Amino acid sequence: MPPGALARGWTSYEGIPLLLSLSWGDKSDARTTLSEPPPPRQDWRPFSLKPAAHVLFAALTLVLIGGLETVINISRTKGAVTFVSGRAVDMAFDYGPLLLAVVYGLIWAAIDHDIKR
């Protein structure tokens, strides 16, 4: 508790009116006290815990697996995927898979962290 509140003889913050409203709802009463907590929202979850996020992550996994299988099959039947040389192609082949793996790992880690929390 800050020293100013003790100097005024307050023992707690309860009942102290605020100058600004801290609620998202009705703005008719701009003076709210700290002893009135906002009503809890029972249906709120982080996006990574919602079923839609799990479905999207599963779809992303299937798309990555399908793309990898396609590249493997093309490479087996026609040889290499590309013989075009150039700075952009070299960088795409060097850093593209790495970037994809890092982004995929970050999404996986976010979902895993929220589930274990």
N, C-alpha and C. Protein backbone atom coordinates (compact mmCIF):
# COMPACT_ATOMS: atom_id res chain seq x y z
N MET A 1 0.86 -1.16 0.00
CA MET A 1 0.00 0.00 0.00
C MET A 1 0.91 1.23 0.00
N PRO A 2 0.63 2.22 -0.85
CA PRO A 2 1.49 3.40 -0.89
C PRO A 2 1.39 4.21 0.40
N PRO A 3 2.43 4.96 0.72
CA PRO A 3 2.43 5.71 1.97
C PRO A 3 1.33 6.75 2.04
N GLY A 4 0.90 7.28 0.91
CA GLY A 4 -0.16 8.29 0.92
C GLY A 4 -1.46 7.74 1.48
N ALA A 5 -1.75 6.47 1.18
CA ALA A 5 -2.99 5.88 1.66
C ALA A 5 -2.94 5.68 3.17
N LEU A 6 -1.80 5.29 3.69
CA LEU A 6 -1.67 5.11 5.13
C LEU A 6 -1.72 6.45 5.86
N ALA A 7 -1.18 7.48 5.22
CA ALA A 7 -1.20 8.80 5.85
C ALA A 7 -2.63 9.32 5.99
N ARG A 8 -3.51 8.89 5.10
CA ARG A 8 -4.90 9.32 5.17
C ARG A 8 -5.72 8.46 6.12
N GLY A 9 -5.10 7.45 6.71
CA GLY A 9 -5.80 6.61 7.66
C GLY A 9 -6.54 5.44 7.04
N TRP A 10 -6.30 5.15 5.75
CA TRP A 10 -6.96 4.03 5.10
C TRP A 10 -6.26 2.75 5.49
N THR A 11 -7.02 1.70 5.68
CA THR A 11 -6.43 0.41 6.01
C THR A 11 -6.39 -0.52 4.80
N SER A 12 -7.16 -0.21 3.77
CA SER A 12 -7.14 -1.01 2.56
C SER A 12 -7.65 -0.16 1.41
N TYR A 13 -7.60 -0.72 0.22
CA TYR A 13 -8.07 -0.01 -0.95
C TYR A 13 -9.58 -0.17 -1.16
N GLU A 14 -10.23 -0.99 -0.39
CA GLU A 14 -11.66 -1.21 -0.58
C GLU A 14 -12.43 0.06 -0.28
N GLY A 15 -13.37 0.35 -1.14
CA GLY A 15 -14.22 1.51 -0.96
C GLY A 15 -13.63 2.80 -1.48
N ILE A 16 -12.40 2.77 -2.01
CA ILE A 16 -11.79 3.98 -2.56
C ILE A 16 -12.35 4.18 -3.96
N PRO A 17 -12.99 5.29 -4.26
CA PRO A 17 -13.53 5.50 -5.61
C PRO A 17 -12.42 5.77 -6.61
N LEU A 18 -12.57 5.24 -7.79
CA LEU A 18 -11.62 5.48 -8.86
C LEU A 18 -12.11 6.63 -9.71
N LEU A 19 -11.19 7.33 -10.35
CA LEU A 19 -11.58 8.45 -11.19
C LEU A 19 -12.01 7.99 -12.58
N LEU A 20 -11.51 6.85 -13.02
CA LEU A 20 -11.85 6.31 -14.33
C LEU A 20 -12.54 4.97 -14.16
N SER A 21 -13.40 4.67 -15.08
CA SER A 21 -14.09 3.38 -15.03
C SER A 21 -13.16 2.30 -15.56
N LEU A 22 -13.07 1.19 -14.86
CA LEU A 22 -12.23 0.08 -15.28
C LEU A 22 -13.04 -1.03 -15.94
N SER A 23 -14.33 -0.83 -16.08
CA SER A 23 -15.17 -1.89 -16.64
C SER A 23 -15.36 -1.67 -18.13
N TRP A 24 -15.60 -2.78 -18.83
CA TRP A 24 -15.85 -2.73 -20.27
C TRP A 24 -17.33 -2.60 -20.57
N GLY A 25 -18.15 -2.79 -19.59
CA GLY A 25 -19.59 -2.81 -19.82
C GLY A 25 -20.22 -1.44 -19.78
N ASP A 26 -21.14 -1.24 -18.87
CA ASP A 26 -21.93 -0.02 -18.77
C ASP A 26 -21.04 1.15 -18.35
N LYS A 27 -21.06 2.21 -19.11
CA LYS A 27 -20.25 3.39 -18.82
C LYS A 27 -21.04 4.47 -18.11
N SER A 28 -22.25 4.17 -17.67
CA SER A 28 -23.08 5.20 -17.04
C SER A 28 -22.50 5.66 -15.71
N ASP A 29 -21.91 4.76 -14.94
CA ASP A 29 -21.32 5.12 -13.66
C ASP A 29 -19.81 5.12 -13.80
N ALA A 30 -19.21 6.31 -13.90
CA ALA A 30 -17.77 6.42 -14.12
C ALA A 30 -16.99 6.20 -12.83
N ARG A 31 -17.64 6.22 -11.70
CA ARG A 31 -16.96 6.01 -10.43
C ARG A 31 -17.18 4.57 -9.99
N THR A 32 -16.12 3.80 -9.98
CA THR A 32 -16.17 2.38 -9.62
C THR A 32 -15.25 2.17 -8.43
N THR A 33 -15.59 1.28 -7.57
CA THR A 33 -14.71 0.98 -6.45
C THR A 33 -13.93 -0.28 -6.73
N LEU A 34 -12.81 -0.42 -6.02
CA LEU A 34 -11.96 -1.58 -6.22
C LEU A 34 -12.57 -2.85 -5.64
N SER A 35 -13.58 -2.72 -4.78
CA SER A 35 -14.18 -3.90 -4.17
C SER A 35 -15.20 -4.56 -5.09
N GLU A 36 -15.45 -3.99 -6.26
CA GLU A 36 -16.41 -4.56 -7.21
C GLU A 36 -15.64 -5.17 -8.39
N PRO A 37 -15.28 -6.43 -8.30
CA PRO A 37 -14.55 -7.03 -9.43
C PRO A 37 -15.51 -7.25 -10.60
N PRO A 38 -14.97 -7.22 -11.82
CA PRO A 38 -15.84 -7.49 -12.96
C PRO A 38 -16.33 -8.93 -12.92
N PRO A 39 -17.49 -9.19 -13.47
CA PRO A 39 -17.99 -10.57 -13.46
C PRO A 39 -17.08 -11.47 -14.29
N PRO A 40 -16.79 -12.66 -13.81
CA PRO A 40 -15.88 -13.55 -14.56
C PRO A 40 -16.55 -14.09 -15.82
N ARG A 41 -15.75 -14.22 -16.86
CA ARG A 41 -16.24 -14.80 -18.10
C ARG A 41 -15.86 -16.28 -18.10
N GLN A 42 -16.83 -17.13 -17.99
CA GLN A 42 -16.58 -18.57 -17.88
C GLN A 42 -16.22 -19.20 -19.22
N ASP A 43 -16.62 -18.59 -20.34
CA ASP A 43 -16.43 -19.23 -21.64
C ASP A 43 -15.12 -18.82 -22.32
N TRP A 44 -14.30 -17.99 -21.70
CA TRP A 44 -13.09 -17.52 -22.36
C TRP A 44 -11.97 -18.54 -22.22
N ARG A 45 -11.28 -18.76 -23.35
CA ARG A 45 -10.08 -19.60 -23.40
C ARG A 45 -9.10 -18.96 -24.36
N PRO A 46 -7.81 -19.21 -24.20
CA PRO A 46 -6.87 -18.74 -25.21
C PRO A 46 -7.16 -19.43 -26.54
N PHE A 47 -6.82 -18.75 -27.64
CA PHE A 47 -7.12 -19.32 -28.96
C PHE A 47 -6.45 -20.67 -29.14
N SER A 48 -5.28 -20.85 -28.57
CA SER A 48 -4.56 -22.11 -28.77
C SER A 48 -5.23 -23.29 -28.05
N LEU A 49 -6.20 -23.04 -27.18
CA LEU A 49 -6.92 -24.13 -26.51
C LEU A 49 -8.28 -24.40 -27.13
N LYS A 50 -8.67 -23.61 -28.10
CA LYS A 50 -9.97 -23.81 -28.73
C LYS A 50 -9.88 -24.92 -29.77
N PRO A 51 -10.98 -25.64 -29.99
CA PRO A 51 -10.95 -26.72 -30.98
C PRO A 51 -10.59 -26.23 -32.38
N ALA A 52 -10.97 -25.01 -32.72
CA ALA A 52 -10.64 -24.49 -34.06
C ALA A 52 -9.13 -24.41 -34.25
N ALA A 53 -8.40 -24.03 -33.23
CA ALA A 53 -6.94 -23.96 -33.33
C ALA A 53 -6.34 -25.35 -33.52
N HIS A 54 -6.88 -26.33 -32.83
CA HIS A 54 -6.37 -27.70 -32.99
C HIS A 54 -6.66 -28.24 -34.38
N VAL A 55 -7.84 -27.93 -34.91
CA VAL A 55 -8.19 -28.37 -36.26
C VAL A 55 -7.28 -27.69 -37.28
N LEU A 56 -7.04 -26.38 -37.11
CA LEU A 56 -6.15 -25.67 -38.03
C LEU A 56 -4.72 -26.21 -37.95
N PHE A 57 -4.26 -26.53 -36.76
CA PHE A 57 -2.91 -27.07 -36.61
C PHE A 57 -2.82 -28.46 -37.24
N ALA A 58 -3.84 -29.27 -37.07
CA ALA A 58 -3.86 -30.60 -37.71
C ALA A 58 -3.89 -30.45 -39.23
N ALA A 59 -4.67 -29.49 -39.73
CA ALA A 59 -4.72 -29.25 -41.18
C ALA A 59 -3.36 -28.78 -41.69
N LEU A 60 -2.70 -27.90 -40.94
CA LEU A 60 -1.36 -27.45 -41.33
C LEU A 60 -0.39 -28.62 -41.37
N THR A 61 -0.48 -29.50 -40.40
CA THR A 61 0.38 -30.68 -40.37
C THR A 61 0.14 -31.56 -41.60
N LEU A 62 -1.12 -31.78 -41.93
CA LEU A 62 -1.44 -32.61 -43.10
C LEU A 62 -0.98 -31.94 -44.40
N VAL A 63 -1.10 -30.63 -44.50
CA VAL A 63 -0.64 -29.93 -45.70
C VAL A 63 0.88 -30.05 -45.82
N LEU A 64 1.59 -29.90 -44.72
CA LEU A 64 3.05 -30.05 -44.76
C LEU A 64 3.46 -31.47 -45.14
N ILE A 65 2.77 -32.45 -44.60
CA ILE A 65 3.07 -33.85 -44.96
C ILE A 65 2.77 -34.10 -46.43
N GLY A 66 1.63 -33.60 -46.90
CA GLY A 66 1.27 -33.77 -48.31
C GLY A 66 2.25 -33.08 -49.24
N GLY A 67 2.68 -31.87 -48.88
CA GLY A 67 3.66 -31.17 -49.71
C GLY A 67 4.99 -31.89 -49.75
N LEU A 68 5.41 -32.42 -48.63
CA LEU A 68 6.67 -33.17 -48.58
C LEU A 68 6.59 -34.45 -49.41
N GLU A 69 5.47 -35.16 -49.31
CA GLU A 69 5.29 -36.38 -50.12
C GLU A 69 5.27 -36.06 -51.61
N THR A 70 4.65 -34.94 -51.97
CA THR A 70 4.62 -34.53 -53.38
C THR A 70 6.02 -34.24 -53.89
N VAL A 71 6.79 -33.52 -53.13
CA VAL A 71 8.16 -33.21 -53.54
C VAL A 71 8.99 -34.48 -53.65
N ILE A 72 8.81 -35.41 -52.72
CA ILE A 72 9.56 -36.67 -52.78
C ILE A 72 9.18 -37.48 -54.02
N ASN A 73 7.88 -37.57 -54.32
CA ASN A 73 7.45 -38.32 -55.50
C ASN A 73 7.93 -37.68 -56.80
N ILE A 74 7.89 -36.35 -56.88
CA ILE A 74 8.39 -35.69 -58.09
C ILE A 74 9.89 -35.92 -58.23
N SER A 75 10.61 -35.87 -57.13
CA SER A 75 12.06 -36.09 -57.19
C SER A 75 12.39 -37.51 -57.60
N ARG A 76 11.59 -38.49 -57.17
CA ARG A 76 11.86 -39.89 -57.54
C ARG A 76 11.58 -40.15 -59.02
N THR A 77 10.52 -39.55 -59.55
CA THR A 77 10.15 -39.85 -60.94
C THR A 77 10.92 -39.01 -61.95
N LYS A 78 11.14 -37.73 -61.66
CA LYS A 78 11.76 -36.84 -62.63
C LYS A 78 13.16 -36.41 -62.25
N GLY A 79 13.70 -36.98 -61.24
CA GLY A 79 15.02 -36.53 -60.77
C GLY A 79 14.84 -35.45 -59.73
N ALA A 80 15.58 -34.37 -59.87
CA ALA A 80 15.52 -33.29 -58.89
C ALA A 80 14.30 -32.41 -59.16
N VAL A 81 13.90 -31.69 -58.16
CA VAL A 81 12.74 -30.79 -58.31
C VAL A 81 13.09 -29.64 -59.23
N THR A 82 14.27 -29.07 -59.09
CA THR A 82 14.68 -27.96 -59.96
C THR A 82 16.18 -27.97 -60.15
N PHE A 83 16.58 -27.55 -61.33
CA PHE A 83 17.99 -27.37 -61.61
C PHE A 83 18.29 -25.90 -61.85
N VAL A 84 17.32 -25.06 -61.64
CA VAL A 84 17.51 -23.64 -61.85
C VAL A 84 18.45 -23.12 -60.76
N SER A 85 19.41 -22.34 -61.17
CA SER A 85 20.35 -21.80 -60.20
C SER A 85 20.19 -20.30 -60.15
N GLY A 86 20.37 -19.78 -59.01
CA GLY A 86 20.27 -18.33 -58.81
C GLY A 86 20.28 -18.05 -57.33
N ARG A 87 20.51 -16.80 -57.00
CA ARG A 87 20.60 -16.44 -55.59
C ARG A 87 19.29 -16.68 -54.86
N ALA A 88 18.16 -16.29 -55.47
CA ALA A 88 16.86 -16.45 -54.80
C ALA A 88 16.51 -17.92 -54.62
N VAL A 89 16.78 -18.74 -55.63
CA VAL A 89 16.47 -20.17 -55.55
C VAL A 89 17.35 -20.83 -54.49
N ASP A 90 18.62 -20.47 -54.48
CA ASP A 90 19.53 -21.05 -53.47
C ASP A 90 19.09 -20.68 -52.06
N MET A 91 18.72 -19.42 -51.86
CA MET A 91 18.28 -19.00 -50.53
C MET A 91 16.96 -19.68 -50.14
N ALA A 92 16.07 -19.85 -51.12
CA ALA A 92 14.80 -20.51 -50.82
C ALA A 92 15.03 -21.97 -50.42
N PHE A 93 15.95 -22.64 -51.10
CA PHE A 93 16.21 -24.04 -50.77
C PHE A 93 17.00 -24.18 -49.47
N ASP A 94 17.83 -23.17 -49.16
CA ASP A 94 18.61 -23.23 -47.93
C ASP A 94 17.78 -22.85 -46.70
N TYR A 95 17.04 -21.76 -46.79
CA TYR A 95 16.39 -21.20 -45.61
C TYR A 95 14.88 -21.43 -45.55
N GLY A 96 14.25 -21.79 -46.64
CA GLY A 96 12.80 -22.02 -46.65
C GLY A 96 12.36 -23.13 -45.71
N PRO A 97 12.95 -24.32 -45.82
CA PRO A 97 12.56 -25.40 -44.90
C PRO A 97 12.86 -25.07 -43.44
N LEU A 98 13.96 -24.38 -43.20
CA LEU A 98 14.30 -24.00 -41.84
C LEU A 98 13.27 -23.03 -41.28
N LEU A 99 12.88 -22.04 -42.07
CA LEU A 99 11.87 -21.08 -41.63
C LEU A 99 10.54 -21.77 -41.36
N LEU A 100 10.16 -22.68 -42.22
CA LEU A 100 8.91 -23.44 -42.04
C LEU A 100 8.97 -24.27 -40.75
N ALA A 101 10.09 -24.91 -40.51
CA ALA A 101 10.23 -25.75 -39.31
C ALA A 101 10.20 -24.91 -38.03
N VAL A 102 10.81 -23.74 -38.06
CA VAL A 102 10.82 -22.88 -36.88
C VAL A 102 9.42 -22.36 -36.58
N VAL A 103 8.70 -21.91 -37.60
CA VAL A 103 7.34 -21.41 -37.39
C VAL A 103 6.44 -22.54 -36.89
N TYR A 104 6.56 -23.70 -37.49
CA TYR A 104 5.76 -24.86 -37.05
C TYR A 104 6.09 -25.21 -35.59
N GLY A 105 7.36 -25.17 -35.23
CA GLY A 105 7.76 -25.46 -33.86
C GLY A 105 7.25 -24.44 -32.87
N LEU A 106 7.22 -23.17 -33.26
CA LEU A 106 6.69 -22.14 -32.38
C LEU A 106 5.19 -22.32 -32.14
N ILE A 107 4.47 -22.66 -33.18
CA ILE A 107 3.03 -22.91 -33.02
C ILE A 107 2.82 -24.12 -32.12
N TRP A 108 3.58 -25.17 -32.35
CA TRP A 108 3.49 -26.38 -31.52
C TRP A 108 3.80 -26.04 -30.06
N ALA A 109 4.84 -25.27 -29.82
CA ALA A 109 5.23 -24.92 -28.45
C ALA A 109 4.15 -24.08 -27.76
N ALA A 110 3.51 -23.17 -28.50
CA ALA A 110 2.46 -22.34 -27.90
C ALA A 110 1.27 -23.20 -27.49
N ILE A 111 0.86 -24.11 -28.35
CA ILE A 111 -0.26 -25.00 -28.03
C ILE A 111 0.12 -25.91 -26.86
N ASP A 112 1.31 -26.48 -26.91
CA ASP A 112 1.75 -27.38 -25.85
C ASP A 112 1.84 -26.66 -24.50
N HIS A 113 2.35 -25.46 -24.51
CA HIS A 113 2.46 -24.68 -23.26
C HIS A 113 1.09 -24.39 -22.67
N ASP A 114 0.14 -23.98 -23.51
CA ASP A 114 -1.19 -23.66 -23.01
C ASP A 114 -1.92 -24.89 -22.50
N ILE A 115 -1.69 -26.03 -23.11
CA ILE A 115 -2.35 -27.26 -22.66
C ILE A 115 -1.77 -27.70 -21.31
N LYS A 116 -0.47 -27.58 -21.13
CA LYS A 116 0.17 -28.02 -19.90
C LYS A 116 0.03 -27.02 -18.76
N ARG A 117 -0.44 -25.82 -19.05
CA ARG A 117 -0.57 -24.79 -18.03
C ARG A 117 -1.70 -25.07 -17.10
